[in-house]
Amino acid sequence: MNLVNINLAKTLSIALMMLASVFATAENKQVTVVKADNDKKAETKASNKVNVEMVTNLGTIMLELDAEKAPLSVKNFVNYANEGFYDGTIFHRVINGFMVQGGGFTADMNRKTTKSPIQNESFNGLKNDRGTIAMARTNAPHSATSQFFINHVNNDFLNKGARGIGYAVFGKVTSGMDVVDAIANIKTGRRDVPKQTITIKSVKVVK
């Protein structure tokens, strides 16, 4: 091999090394961008979950609210919670094998004054399955205010389409279903009002 060929080979080798370095750098940048994008998506997903601690005289119920799928309902519930509205209210309607309802009455069965009703978000795809929390309302579709219920069993007939517009689920119990079961087992009287007072001591958003 003569000197010209040697120099050409060296030049070609250096060029190939530089090209490989460029490709490696571009690939690393792409991996970094993808990782950052995935981290951002994970962070956004996490930020759409709101954890709530509900303390009752029968125990503590932990809730995870889905602000992505039910933003209006979650915002509404959290606003009431942050204002201390739920503190001292009761589970005033209990039906074993159906649901437990609270968030609107004091221990002496006086109805609390609420904010304006919110839009029904029953279209969000969340189902009224056992352990989910949903907005209670009157027969009017968009009449939910402060009251909520926790499904004691799967209540498919409460979902959108089963019997009209349905009831909006906005979260689920992550721990404390034994407390929900205990509430459901309390004996009730007229209008499904528990004979034993079931007090909501506090409802707080937690990290």
N, C-alpha and C. Protein backbone atom coordinates (compact mmCIF):
# COMPACT_ATOMS: atom_id res chain seq x y z
N MET A 1 0.87 -1.20 0.00
CA MET A 1 0.00 0.00 0.00
C MET A 1 0.89 1.23 0.00
N ASN A 2 0.65 2.14 -0.94
CA ASN A 2 1.48 3.34 -1.01
C ASN A 2 1.00 4.38 -0.02
N LEU A 3 1.72 5.48 0.07
CA LEU A 3 1.44 6.54 1.07
C LEU A 3 0.07 7.17 0.84
N VAL A 4 -0.32 7.34 -0.43
CA VAL A 4 -1.63 7.97 -0.73
C VAL A 4 -2.76 7.09 -0.21
N ASN A 5 -2.61 5.78 -0.47
CA ASN A 5 -3.65 4.86 -0.01
C ASN A 5 -3.72 4.80 1.50
N ILE A 6 -2.57 4.87 2.15
CA ILE A 6 -2.53 4.84 3.62
C ILE A 6 -3.24 6.07 4.18
N ASN A 7 -2.94 7.23 3.64
CA ASN A 7 -3.58 8.47 4.10
C ASN A 7 -5.09 8.45 3.85
N LEU A 8 -5.47 7.88 2.69
CA LEU A 8 -6.89 7.78 2.37
C LEU A 8 -7.61 6.87 3.34
N ALA A 9 -6.94 5.77 3.69
CA ALA A 9 -7.53 4.81 4.63
C ALA A 9 -7.69 5.45 6.01
N LYS A 10 -6.67 6.22 6.43
CA LYS A 10 -6.73 6.89 7.73
C LYS A 10 -7.86 7.92 7.76
N THR A 11 -7.97 8.67 6.64
CA THR A 11 -9.02 9.70 6.55
C THR A 11 -10.40 9.06 6.61
N LEU A 12 -10.55 7.94 5.89
CA LEU A 12 -11.83 7.23 5.87
C LEU A 12 -12.17 6.68 7.25
N SER A 13 -11.16 6.16 7.93
CA SER A 13 -11.37 5.61 9.28
C SER A 13 -11.82 6.69 10.25
N ILE A 14 -11.14 7.86 10.17
CA ILE A 14 -11.50 8.98 11.05
C ILE A 14 -12.92 9.45 10.77
N ALA A 15 -13.27 9.51 9.47
CA ALA A 15 -14.61 9.95 9.08
C ALA A 15 -15.68 9.01 9.61
N LEU A 16 -15.39 7.70 9.52
CA LEU A 16 -16.34 6.71 10.02
C LEU A 16 -16.52 6.82 11.53
N MET A 17 -15.40 7.08 12.23
CA MET A 17 -15.46 7.23 13.69
C MET A 17 -16.28 8.46 14.07
N MET A 18 -16.09 9.55 13.32
CA MET A 18 -16.83 10.78 13.59
C MET A 18 -18.33 10.58 13.32
N LEU A 19 -18.63 9.84 12.23
CA LEU A 19 -20.02 9.58 11.88
C LEU A 19 -20.70 8.73 12.95
N ALA A 20 -19.96 7.73 13.44
CA ALA A 20 -20.48 6.86 14.49
C ALA A 20 -20.75 7.66 15.76
N SER A 21 -19.85 8.61 16.04
CA SER A 21 -20.02 9.46 17.23
C SER A 21 -21.26 10.33 17.10
N VAL A 22 -21.47 10.87 15.87
CA VAL A 22 -22.65 11.71 15.63
C VAL A 22 -23.93 10.90 15.84
N PHE A 23 -23.98 9.67 15.30
CA PHE A 23 -25.15 8.82 15.45
C PHE A 23 -25.39 8.46 16.91
N ALA A 24 -24.31 8.20 17.63
CA ALA A 24 -24.42 7.84 19.05
C ALA A 24 -24.98 9.01 19.85
N THR A 25 -24.47 10.21 19.54
CA THR A 25 -24.94 11.41 20.25
C THR A 25 -26.42 11.65 19.96
N ALA A 26 -26.81 11.50 18.68
CA ALA A 26 -28.21 11.69 18.31
C ALA A 26 -29.11 10.68 18.99
N GLU A 27 -28.63 9.42 19.04
CA GLU A 27 -29.41 8.36 19.69
C GLU A 27 -29.57 8.64 21.18
N ASN A 28 -28.48 9.09 21.82
CA ASN A 28 -28.54 9.41 23.26
C ASN A 28 -29.51 10.56 23.52
N LYS A 29 -29.49 11.57 22.62
CA LYS A 29 -30.42 12.70 22.76
C LYS A 29 -31.86 12.23 22.63
N GLN A 30 -32.08 11.31 21.65
CA GLN A 30 -33.43 10.80 21.45
C GLN A 30 -33.91 10.03 22.67
N VAL A 31 -33.04 9.21 23.26
CA VAL A 31 -33.37 8.45 24.46
C VAL A 31 -33.69 9.40 25.60
N THR A 32 -32.88 10.47 25.72
CA THR A 32 -33.09 11.46 26.79
C THR A 32 -34.43 12.15 26.63
N VAL A 33 -34.77 12.51 25.37
CA VAL A 33 -36.05 13.18 25.10
C VAL A 33 -37.21 12.26 25.43
N VAL A 34 -37.12 10.99 25.00
CA VAL A 34 -38.18 10.01 25.27
C VAL A 34 -38.34 9.80 26.77
N LYS A 35 -37.21 9.69 27.48
CA LYS A 35 -37.27 9.50 28.93
C LYS A 35 -37.91 10.70 29.61
N ALA A 36 -37.52 11.89 29.17
CA ALA A 36 -38.08 13.11 29.76
C ALA A 36 -39.58 13.19 29.49
N ASP A 37 -39.97 12.79 28.27
CA ASP A 37 -41.40 12.81 27.91
C ASP A 37 -42.18 11.82 28.76
N ASN A 38 -41.61 10.63 28.95
CA ASN A 38 -42.26 9.61 29.78
C ASN A 38 -42.35 10.06 31.23
N ASP A 39 -41.27 10.69 31.72
CA ASP A 39 -41.27 11.20 33.11
C ASP A 39 -42.35 12.26 33.28
N LYS A 40 -42.48 13.13 32.25
CA LYS A 40 -43.48 14.20 32.31
C LYS A 40 -44.89 13.61 32.32
N LYS A 41 -45.12 12.58 31.49
CA LYS A 41 -46.42 11.93 31.44
C LYS A 41 -46.74 11.27 32.78
N ALA A 42 -45.73 10.62 33.37
CA ALA A 42 -45.93 9.96 34.65
C ALA A 42 -46.24 10.97 35.74
N GLU A 43 -45.52 12.12 35.68
CA GLU A 43 -45.73 13.18 36.66
C GLU A 43 -47.13 13.76 36.52
N THR A 44 -47.57 13.96 35.27
CA THR A 44 -48.91 14.49 35.01
C THR A 44 -49.97 13.53 35.50
N LYS A 45 -49.77 12.23 35.22
CA LYS A 45 -50.71 11.21 35.66
C LYS A 45 -50.82 11.19 37.17
N ALA A 46 -49.67 11.29 37.84
CA ALA A 46 -49.65 11.29 39.30
C ALA A 46 -50.34 12.52 39.86
N SER A 47 -50.15 13.67 39.20
CA SER A 47 -50.74 14.91 39.69
C SER A 47 -52.25 14.92 39.51
N ASN A 48 -52.77 14.04 38.64
CA ASN A 48 -54.21 13.94 38.43
C ASN A 48 -54.89 13.06 39.47
N LYS A 49 -54.11 12.45 40.35
CA LYS A 49 -54.65 11.63 41.42
C LYS A 49 -54.58 12.42 42.74
N VAL A 50 -55.71 12.54 43.39
CA VAL A 50 -55.78 13.29 44.65
C VAL A 50 -56.10 12.30 45.77
N ASN A 51 -55.22 12.23 46.75
CA ASN A 51 -55.42 11.32 47.88
C ASN A 51 -56.13 12.04 49.02
N VAL A 52 -57.13 11.38 49.55
CA VAL A 52 -57.95 11.98 50.60
C VAL A 52 -58.09 11.02 51.78
N GLU A 53 -57.99 11.56 52.97
CA GLU A 53 -58.19 10.79 54.20
C GLU A 53 -59.54 11.19 54.81
N MET A 54 -60.42 10.23 54.93
CA MET A 54 -61.72 10.46 55.55
C MET A 54 -61.77 9.70 56.88
N VAL A 55 -61.80 10.45 57.96
CA VAL A 55 -61.80 9.84 59.29
C VAL A 55 -63.22 9.81 59.82
N THR A 56 -63.70 8.62 60.19
CA THR A 56 -65.03 8.46 60.76
C THR A 56 -64.91 7.88 62.17
N ASN A 57 -66.02 7.84 62.89
CA ASN A 57 -65.98 7.25 64.22
C ASN A 57 -65.91 5.72 64.18
N LEU A 58 -65.96 5.15 62.97
CA LEU A 58 -65.80 3.71 62.82
C LEU A 58 -64.45 3.33 62.19
N GLY A 59 -63.65 4.33 61.87
CA GLY A 59 -62.35 4.07 61.27
C GLY A 59 -62.05 5.03 60.13
N THR A 60 -60.91 4.82 59.50
CA THR A 60 -60.43 5.72 58.44
C THR A 60 -60.59 5.09 57.06
N ILE A 61 -61.08 5.90 56.13
CA ILE A 61 -61.22 5.48 54.74
C ILE A 61 -60.28 6.34 53.89
N MET A 62 -59.41 5.71 53.13
CA MET A 62 -58.51 6.43 52.23
C MET A 62 -59.08 6.38 50.82
N LEU A 63 -59.08 7.53 50.18
CA LEU A 63 -59.64 7.65 48.84
C LEU A 63 -58.61 8.16 47.84
N GLU A 64 -58.72 7.71 46.61
CA GLU A 64 -57.93 8.25 45.51
C GLU A 64 -58.91 8.82 44.50
N LEU A 65 -58.87 10.14 44.32
CA LEU A 65 -59.79 10.82 43.41
C LEU A 65 -59.14 11.01 42.04
N ASP A 66 -59.93 10.86 40.99
CA ASP A 66 -59.40 10.91 39.63
C ASP A 66 -59.75 12.27 38.99
N ALA A 67 -58.82 13.22 39.14
CA ALA A 67 -59.04 14.57 38.61
C ALA A 67 -58.93 14.64 37.09
N GLU A 68 -58.36 13.62 36.49
CA GLU A 68 -58.26 13.60 35.02
C GLU A 68 -59.61 13.27 34.39
N LYS A 69 -60.28 12.26 34.93
CA LYS A 69 -61.54 11.82 34.34
C LYS A 69 -62.76 12.52 34.92
N ALA A 70 -62.62 13.05 36.13
CA ALA A 70 -63.76 13.73 36.77
C ALA A 70 -63.31 15.04 37.40
N PRO A 71 -62.79 15.97 36.60
CA PRO A 71 -62.22 17.21 37.15
C PRO A 71 -63.20 18.07 37.93
N LEU A 72 -64.43 18.18 37.46
CA LEU A 72 -65.42 19.02 38.14
C LEU A 72 -65.82 18.43 39.48
N SER A 73 -66.06 17.13 39.49
CA SER A 73 -66.47 16.45 40.73
C SER A 73 -65.35 16.47 41.77
N VAL A 74 -64.12 16.24 41.32
CA VAL A 74 -62.98 16.23 42.24
C VAL A 74 -62.76 17.63 42.81
N LYS A 75 -62.78 18.62 41.95
CA LYS A 75 -62.59 20.01 42.41
C LYS A 75 -63.67 20.38 43.42
N ASN A 76 -64.90 20.01 43.12
CA ASN A 76 -66.02 20.30 44.00
C ASN A 76 -65.84 19.65 45.38
N PHE A 77 -65.50 18.35 45.38
CA PHE A 77 -65.31 17.60 46.62
C PHE A 77 -64.15 18.17 47.43
N VAL A 78 -63.04 18.44 46.75
CA VAL A 78 -61.85 18.97 47.43
C VAL A 78 -62.12 20.35 48.02
N ASN A 79 -62.87 21.18 47.31
CA ASN A 79 -63.21 22.50 47.85
C ASN A 79 -64.00 22.38 49.14
N TYR A 80 -64.99 21.50 49.15
CA TYR A 80 -65.77 21.28 50.36
C TYR A 80 -64.87 20.76 51.49
N ALA A 81 -63.99 19.82 51.14
CA ALA A 81 -63.09 19.24 52.14
C ALA A 81 -62.16 20.29 52.73
N ASN A 82 -61.56 21.10 51.86
CA ASN A 82 -60.61 22.12 52.32
C ASN A 82 -61.27 23.18 53.20
N GLU A 83 -62.55 23.38 53.00
CA GLU A 83 -63.28 24.36 53.81
C GLU A 83 -63.77 23.77 55.13
N GLY A 84 -63.55 22.46 55.32
CA GLY A 84 -64.00 21.81 56.55
C GLY A 84 -65.49 21.50 56.55
N PHE A 85 -66.11 21.58 55.39
CA PHE A 85 -67.56 21.40 55.28
C PHE A 85 -67.99 20.02 55.78
N TYR A 86 -67.21 18.99 55.46
CA TYR A 86 -67.61 17.63 55.80
C TYR A 86 -67.38 17.27 57.26
N ASP A 87 -66.56 18.05 57.94
CA ASP A 87 -66.24 17.74 59.34
C ASP A 87 -67.48 17.84 60.20
N GLY A 88 -67.84 16.73 60.85
CA GLY A 88 -69.03 16.72 61.70
C GLY A 88 -70.30 16.31 60.99
N THR A 89 -70.22 16.06 59.67
CA THR A 89 -71.40 15.54 58.97
C THR A 89 -71.49 14.04 59.21
N ILE A 90 -72.51 13.42 58.69
CA ILE A 90 -72.74 12.00 58.96
C ILE A 90 -73.02 11.22 57.68
N PHE A 91 -72.95 9.90 57.80
CA PHE A 91 -73.51 9.02 56.77
C PHE A 91 -74.98 8.86 57.15
N HIS A 92 -75.83 9.54 56.42
CA HIS A 92 -77.24 9.63 56.79
C HIS A 92 -78.14 8.60 56.09
N ARG A 93 -77.59 7.94 55.09
CA ARG A 93 -78.37 6.94 54.35
C ARG A 93 -77.50 5.72 54.09
N VAL A 94 -77.93 4.59 54.62
CA VAL A 94 -77.13 3.37 54.53
C VAL A 94 -78.01 2.22 54.07
N ILE A 95 -77.60 1.58 52.99
CA ILE A 95 -78.33 0.42 52.47
C ILE A 95 -77.31 -0.69 52.20
N ASN A 96 -77.32 -1.69 53.06
CA ASN A 96 -76.40 -2.81 52.92
C ASN A 96 -76.62 -3.50 51.58
N GLY A 97 -75.52 -3.79 50.88
CA GLY A 97 -75.64 -4.40 49.56
C GLY A 97 -75.95 -3.41 48.46
N PHE A 98 -75.85 -2.14 48.78
CA PHE A 98 -76.08 -1.09 47.78
C PHE A 98 -75.03 0.00 47.92
N MET A 99 -75.21 0.91 48.90
CA MET A 99 -74.25 2.00 49.06
C MET A 99 -74.43 2.67 50.42
N VAL A 100 -73.43 3.50 50.79
CA VAL A 100 -73.51 4.32 52.00
C VAL A 100 -73.34 5.77 51.56
N GLN A 101 -74.23 6.65 52.04
CA GLN A 101 -74.27 8.03 51.54
C GLN A 101 -74.08 9.02 52.68
N GLY A 102 -73.32 10.07 52.40
CA GLY A 102 -73.08 11.09 53.43
C GLY A 102 -72.71 12.43 52.82
N GLY A 103 -72.28 13.33 53.72
CA GLY A 103 -71.77 14.62 53.26
C GLY A 103 -72.75 15.75 53.15
N GLY A 104 -73.96 15.60 53.76
CA GLY A 104 -74.93 16.67 53.60
C GLY A 104 -75.70 17.05 54.84
N PHE A 105 -75.63 16.19 55.87
CA PHE A 105 -76.42 16.44 57.08
C PHE A 105 -75.54 16.40 58.33
N THR A 106 -75.97 17.14 59.34
CA THR A 106 -75.31 17.11 60.65
C THR A 106 -75.91 15.96 61.46
N ALA A 107 -75.35 15.73 62.65
CA ALA A 107 -75.79 14.61 63.49
C ALA A 107 -77.26 14.72 63.90
N ASP A 108 -77.79 15.94 63.97
CA ASP A 108 -79.20 16.12 64.32
C ASP A 108 -80.10 16.18 63.09
N MET A 109 -79.55 15.72 61.96
CA MET A 109 -80.28 15.60 60.69
C MET A 109 -80.70 16.95 60.11
N ASN A 110 -79.92 17.96 60.36
CA ASN A 110 -80.13 19.26 59.71
C ASN A 110 -79.31 19.29 58.42
N ARG A 111 -79.95 19.69 57.35
CA ARG A 111 -79.27 19.75 56.06
C ARG A 111 -78.36 20.99 56.02
N LYS A 112 -77.13 20.80 55.57
CA LYS A 112 -76.19 21.90 55.49
C LYS A 112 -76.38 22.70 54.19
N THR A 113 -76.10 23.97 54.27
CA THR A 113 -76.18 24.84 53.09
C THR A 113 -75.00 24.57 52.17
N THR A 114 -75.26 24.39 50.91
CA THR A 114 -74.21 24.02 49.95
C THR A 114 -73.99 25.09 48.90
N LYS A 115 -72.99 24.85 48.07
CA LYS A 115 -72.73 25.70 46.91
C LYS A 115 -73.68 25.30 45.78
N SER A 116 -73.53 25.94 44.66
CA SER A 116 -74.36 25.62 43.50
C SER A 116 -74.07 24.21 42.98
N PRO A 117 -75.04 23.57 42.36
CA PRO A 117 -74.83 22.22 41.80
C PRO A 117 -73.78 22.23 40.68
N ILE A 118 -73.25 21.05 40.40
CA ILE A 118 -72.24 20.90 39.35
C ILE A 118 -72.78 20.03 38.22
N GLN A 119 -72.06 20.05 37.10
CA GLN A 119 -72.43 19.23 35.95
C GLN A 119 -72.17 17.75 36.27
N ASN A 120 -73.02 16.91 35.77
CA ASN A 120 -72.88 15.46 35.94
C ASN A 120 -71.78 14.94 35.01
N GLU A 121 -70.79 14.24 35.57
CA GLU A 121 -69.68 13.70 34.77
C GLU A 121 -69.77 12.18 34.61
N SER A 122 -70.98 11.67 34.56
CA SER A 122 -71.16 10.22 34.46
C SER A 122 -70.65 9.63 33.14
N PHE A 123 -70.34 10.51 32.19
CA PHE A 123 -69.84 10.07 30.86
C PHE A 123 -68.36 9.74 30.88
N ASN A 124 -67.69 9.85 32.03
CA ASN A 124 -66.23 9.77 32.08
C ASN A 124 -65.65 8.36 31.98
N GLY A 125 -66.49 7.35 31.94
CA GLY A 125 -65.99 5.98 31.79
C GLY A 125 -65.75 5.25 33.09
N LEU A 126 -65.77 5.96 34.22
CA LEU A 126 -65.60 5.32 35.52
C LEU A 126 -66.91 4.66 35.93
N LYS A 127 -66.82 3.42 36.40
CA LYS A 127 -68.01 2.63 36.71
C LYS A 127 -68.33 2.64 38.21
N ASN A 128 -69.62 2.48 38.49
CA ASN A 128 -70.08 2.39 39.88
C ASN A 128 -69.84 0.98 40.43
N ASP A 129 -68.57 0.65 40.57
CA ASP A 129 -68.17 -0.65 41.11
C ASP A 129 -67.97 -0.56 42.61
N ARG A 130 -67.90 -1.71 43.27
CA ARG A 130 -67.67 -1.75 44.71
C ARG A 130 -66.43 -0.93 45.07
N GLY A 131 -66.58 -0.07 46.07
CA GLY A 131 -65.45 0.72 46.56
C GLY A 131 -65.23 2.03 45.84
N THR A 132 -66.05 2.33 44.84
CA THR A 132 -65.90 3.63 44.17
C THR A 132 -66.76 4.68 44.88
N ILE A 133 -66.35 5.93 44.75
CA ILE A 133 -67.10 7.03 45.33
C ILE A 133 -67.71 7.85 44.21
N ALA A 134 -68.98 8.22 44.37
CA ALA A 134 -69.71 8.93 43.32
C ALA A 134 -70.51 10.08 43.92
N MET A 135 -70.89 11.01 43.07
CA MET A 135 -71.70 12.14 43.51
C MET A 135 -73.16 11.72 43.64
N ALA A 136 -73.75 12.04 44.80
CA ALA A 136 -75.18 11.82 45.00
C ALA A 136 -75.93 13.02 44.41
N ARG A 137 -77.17 12.79 44.01
CA ARG A 137 -77.97 13.87 43.43
C ARG A 137 -79.44 13.55 43.56
N THR A 138 -80.28 14.49 43.16
CA THR A 138 -81.71 14.25 43.10
C THR A 138 -82.03 13.63 41.75
N ASN A 139 -83.29 13.58 41.38
CA ASN A 139 -83.66 13.05 40.06
C ASN A 139 -83.21 13.96 38.93
N ALA A 140 -82.91 15.20 39.26
CA ALA A 140 -82.39 16.12 38.24
C ALA A 140 -80.95 15.72 37.91
N PRO A 141 -80.61 15.57 36.64
CA PRO A 141 -79.29 15.06 36.24
C PRO A 141 -78.09 15.85 36.77
N HIS A 142 -78.22 17.17 36.82
CA HIS A 142 -77.09 18.02 37.19
C HIS A 142 -77.36 18.75 38.51
N SER A 143 -77.70 17.97 39.53
CA SER A 143 -78.10 18.55 40.81
C SER A 143 -77.15 18.23 41.96
N ALA A 144 -76.02 17.57 41.68
CA ALA A 144 -75.09 17.18 42.75
C ALA A 144 -74.44 18.40 43.40
N THR A 145 -74.34 18.39 44.72
CA THR A 145 -73.66 19.47 45.45
C THR A 145 -72.57 18.87 46.33
N SER A 146 -72.87 18.63 47.60
CA SER A 146 -71.84 18.13 48.52
C SER A 146 -71.94 16.64 48.80
N GLN A 147 -73.12 16.08 48.63
CA GLN A 147 -73.32 14.70 49.03
C GLN A 147 -72.67 13.70 48.07
N PHE A 148 -72.22 12.61 48.64
CA PHE A 148 -71.53 11.56 47.89
C PHE A 148 -71.99 10.21 48.42
N PHE A 149 -71.66 9.17 47.69
CA PHE A 149 -71.90 7.82 48.21
C PHE A 149 -70.76 6.91 47.80
N ILE A 150 -70.55 5.90 48.62
CA ILE A 150 -69.54 4.87 48.32
C ILE A 150 -70.29 3.58 48.00
N ASN A 151 -70.03 3.04 46.82
CA ASN A 151 -70.71 1.82 46.40
C ASN A 151 -70.27 0.63 47.24
N HIS A 152 -71.25 -0.04 47.84
CA HIS A 152 -70.95 -1.22 48.66
C HIS A 152 -70.78 -2.46 47.80
N VAL A 153 -71.41 -2.46 46.63
CA VAL A 153 -71.28 -3.56 45.66
C VAL A 153 -71.19 -2.94 44.27
N ASN A 154 -71.01 -3.77 43.26
CA ASN A 154 -71.06 -3.28 41.89
C ASN A 154 -72.50 -2.88 41.55
N ASN A 155 -72.69 -1.62 41.23
CA ASN A 155 -74.03 -1.12 40.91
C ASN A 155 -74.08 -0.66 39.45
N ASP A 156 -74.09 -1.63 38.56
CA ASP A 156 -74.06 -1.32 37.13
C ASP A 156 -75.23 -0.44 36.70
N PHE A 157 -76.38 -0.57 37.36
CA PHE A 157 -77.56 0.18 36.94
C PHE A 157 -77.42 1.68 37.21
N LEU A 158 -76.38 2.06 37.96
CA LEU A 158 -76.13 3.48 38.22
C LEU A 158 -75.24 4.12 37.16
N ASN A 159 -74.70 3.30 36.26
CA ASN A 159 -73.81 3.83 35.23
C ASN A 159 -74.60 4.51 34.12
N LYS A 160 -73.94 5.41 33.43
CA LYS A 160 -74.58 6.12 32.31
C LYS A 160 -75.10 5.13 31.28
N GLY A 161 -76.33 5.34 30.85
CA GLY A 161 -76.91 4.49 29.83
C GLY A 161 -77.79 3.38 30.37
N ALA A 162 -77.52 2.94 31.60
CA ALA A 162 -78.31 1.86 32.18
C ALA A 162 -79.73 2.35 32.50
N ARG A 163 -79.78 3.51 33.16
CA ARG A 163 -81.07 4.14 33.48
C ARG A 163 -80.93 5.64 33.29
N GLY A 164 -80.69 6.03 32.09
CA GLY A 164 -80.54 7.46 31.83
C GLY A 164 -79.11 7.93 31.98
N ILE A 165 -78.95 9.13 32.50
CA ILE A 165 -77.63 9.77 32.55
C ILE A 165 -76.68 9.13 33.55
N GLY A 166 -77.18 8.52 34.59
CA GLY A 166 -76.32 7.83 35.55
C GLY A 166 -75.74 8.74 36.62
N TYR A 167 -74.86 8.15 37.43
CA TYR A 167 -74.23 8.85 38.56
C TYR A 167 -72.72 8.90 38.37
N ALA A 168 -72.15 10.05 38.62
CA ALA A 168 -70.74 10.29 38.30
C ALA A 168 -69.78 9.76 39.37
N VAL A 169 -69.01 8.77 38.99
CA VAL A 169 -67.93 8.27 39.84
C VAL A 169 -66.73 9.19 39.69
N PHE A 170 -66.06 9.51 40.81
CA PHE A 170 -64.90 10.39 40.72
C PHE A 170 -63.71 9.91 41.53
N GLY A 171 -63.75 8.67 42.00
CA GLY A 171 -62.62 8.14 42.75
C GLY A 171 -62.92 6.75 43.29
N LYS A 172 -62.03 6.29 44.15
CA LYS A 172 -62.19 4.94 44.71
C LYS A 172 -61.53 4.85 46.08
N VAL A 173 -61.98 3.87 46.85
CA VAL A 173 -61.38 3.58 48.15
C VAL A 173 -60.10 2.79 47.92
N THR A 174 -59.01 3.27 48.50
CA THR A 174 -57.73 2.54 48.38
C THR A 174 -57.43 1.73 49.63
N SER A 175 -57.99 2.14 50.75
CA SER A 175 -57.93 1.34 51.98
C SER A 175 -59.08 1.77 52.88
N GLY A 176 -59.56 0.81 53.67
CA GLY A 176 -60.66 1.12 54.56
C GLY A 176 -62.01 0.59 54.09
N MET A 177 -62.00 -0.36 53.15
CA MET A 177 -63.28 -0.96 52.75
C MET A 177 -63.91 -1.72 53.90
N ASP A 178 -63.09 -2.15 54.85
CA ASP A 178 -63.65 -2.80 56.04
C ASP A 178 -64.50 -1.81 56.84
N VAL A 179 -64.09 -0.54 56.79
CA VAL A 179 -64.88 0.51 57.46
C VAL A 179 -66.19 0.73 56.71
N VAL A 180 -66.12 0.75 55.38
CA VAL A 180 -67.34 0.88 54.57
C VAL A 180 -68.28 -0.28 54.86
N ASP A 181 -67.73 -1.49 54.95
CA ASP A 181 -68.54 -2.67 55.27
C ASP A 181 -69.18 -2.54 56.65
N ALA A 182 -68.41 -2.01 57.60
CA ALA A 182 -68.93 -1.83 58.96
C ALA A 182 -70.09 -0.82 58.96
N ILE A 183 -69.93 0.24 58.18
CA ILE A 183 -71.00 1.24 58.06
C ILE A 183 -72.25 0.59 57.45
N ALA A 184 -72.04 -0.20 56.40
CA ALA A 184 -73.16 -0.85 55.71
C ALA A 184 -73.91 -1.82 56.61
N ASN A 185 -73.23 -2.35 57.60
CA ASN A 185 -73.83 -3.35 58.49
C ASN A 185 -74.59 -2.73 59.67
N ILE A 186 -74.53 -1.41 59.80
CA ILE A 186 -75.26 -0.75 60.88
C ILE A 186 -76.77 -0.85 60.62
N LYS A 187 -77.51 -1.16 61.67
CA LYS A 187 -78.97 -1.25 61.52
C LYS A 187 -79.55 0.13 61.23
N THR A 188 -80.57 0.13 60.39
CA THR A 188 -81.17 1.40 59.99
C THR A 188 -82.65 1.44 60.35
N GLY A 189 -83.19 2.65 60.31
CA GLY A 189 -84.61 2.84 60.59
C GLY A 189 -85.31 3.45 59.40
N ARG A 190 -86.18 4.38 59.67
CA ARG A 190 -86.98 5.03 58.63
C ARG A 190 -86.08 5.77 57.64
N ARG A 191 -86.38 5.65 56.38
CA ARG A 191 -85.64 6.30 55.29
C ARG A 191 -84.16 5.89 55.27
N ASP A 192 -83.86 4.69 55.73
CA ASP A 192 -82.50 4.13 55.70
C ASP A 192 -81.51 4.92 56.54
N VAL A 193 -82.01 5.64 57.53
CA VAL A 193 -81.14 6.40 58.43
C VAL A 193 -80.57 5.44 59.48
N PRO A 194 -79.25 5.39 59.65
CA PRO A 194 -78.65 4.49 60.64
C PRO A 194 -79.13 4.80 62.06
N LYS A 195 -79.39 3.74 62.83
CA LYS A 195 -79.81 3.92 64.22
C LYS A 195 -78.63 4.34 65.10
N GLN A 196 -77.43 4.07 64.63
CA GLN A 196 -76.20 4.52 65.30
C GLN A 196 -75.59 5.64 64.46
N THR A 197 -75.26 6.75 65.11
CA THR A 197 -74.69 7.88 64.37
C THR A 197 -73.31 7.52 63.83
N ILE A 198 -73.14 7.72 62.54
CA ILE A 198 -71.84 7.46 61.89
C ILE A 198 -71.29 8.81 61.47
N THR A 199 -70.36 9.31 62.26
CA THR A 199 -69.84 10.67 62.08
C THR A 199 -68.61 10.71 61.19
N ILE A 200 -68.60 11.67 60.28
CA ILE A 200 -67.39 11.96 59.51
C ILE A 200 -66.63 13.03 60.31
N LYS A 201 -65.57 12.61 60.96
CA LYS A 201 -64.81 13.54 61.82
C LYS A 201 -64.05 14.56 61.00
N SER A 202 -63.44 14.12 59.91
CA SER A 202 -62.68 15.02 59.06
C SER A 202 -62.46 14.41 57.68
N VAL A 203 -62.30 15.29 56.70
CA VAL A 203 -61.95 14.89 55.34
C VAL A 203 -60.82 15.82 54.90
N LYS A 204 -59.64 15.24 54.64
CA LYS A 204 -58.48 16.06 54.32
C LYS A 204 -57.72 15.50 53.11
N VAL A 205 -57.24 16.41 52.28
CA VAL A 205 -56.37 16.03 51.17
C VAL A 205 -54.98 15.78 51.75
N VAL A 206 -54.39 14.64 51.39
CA VAL A 206 -53.07 14.28 51.90
C VAL A 206 -52.11 14.07 50.75
N LYS A 207 -50.82 14.17 51.02
CA LYS A 207 -49.79 13.98 50.00
C LYS A 207 -49.58 12.49 49.75
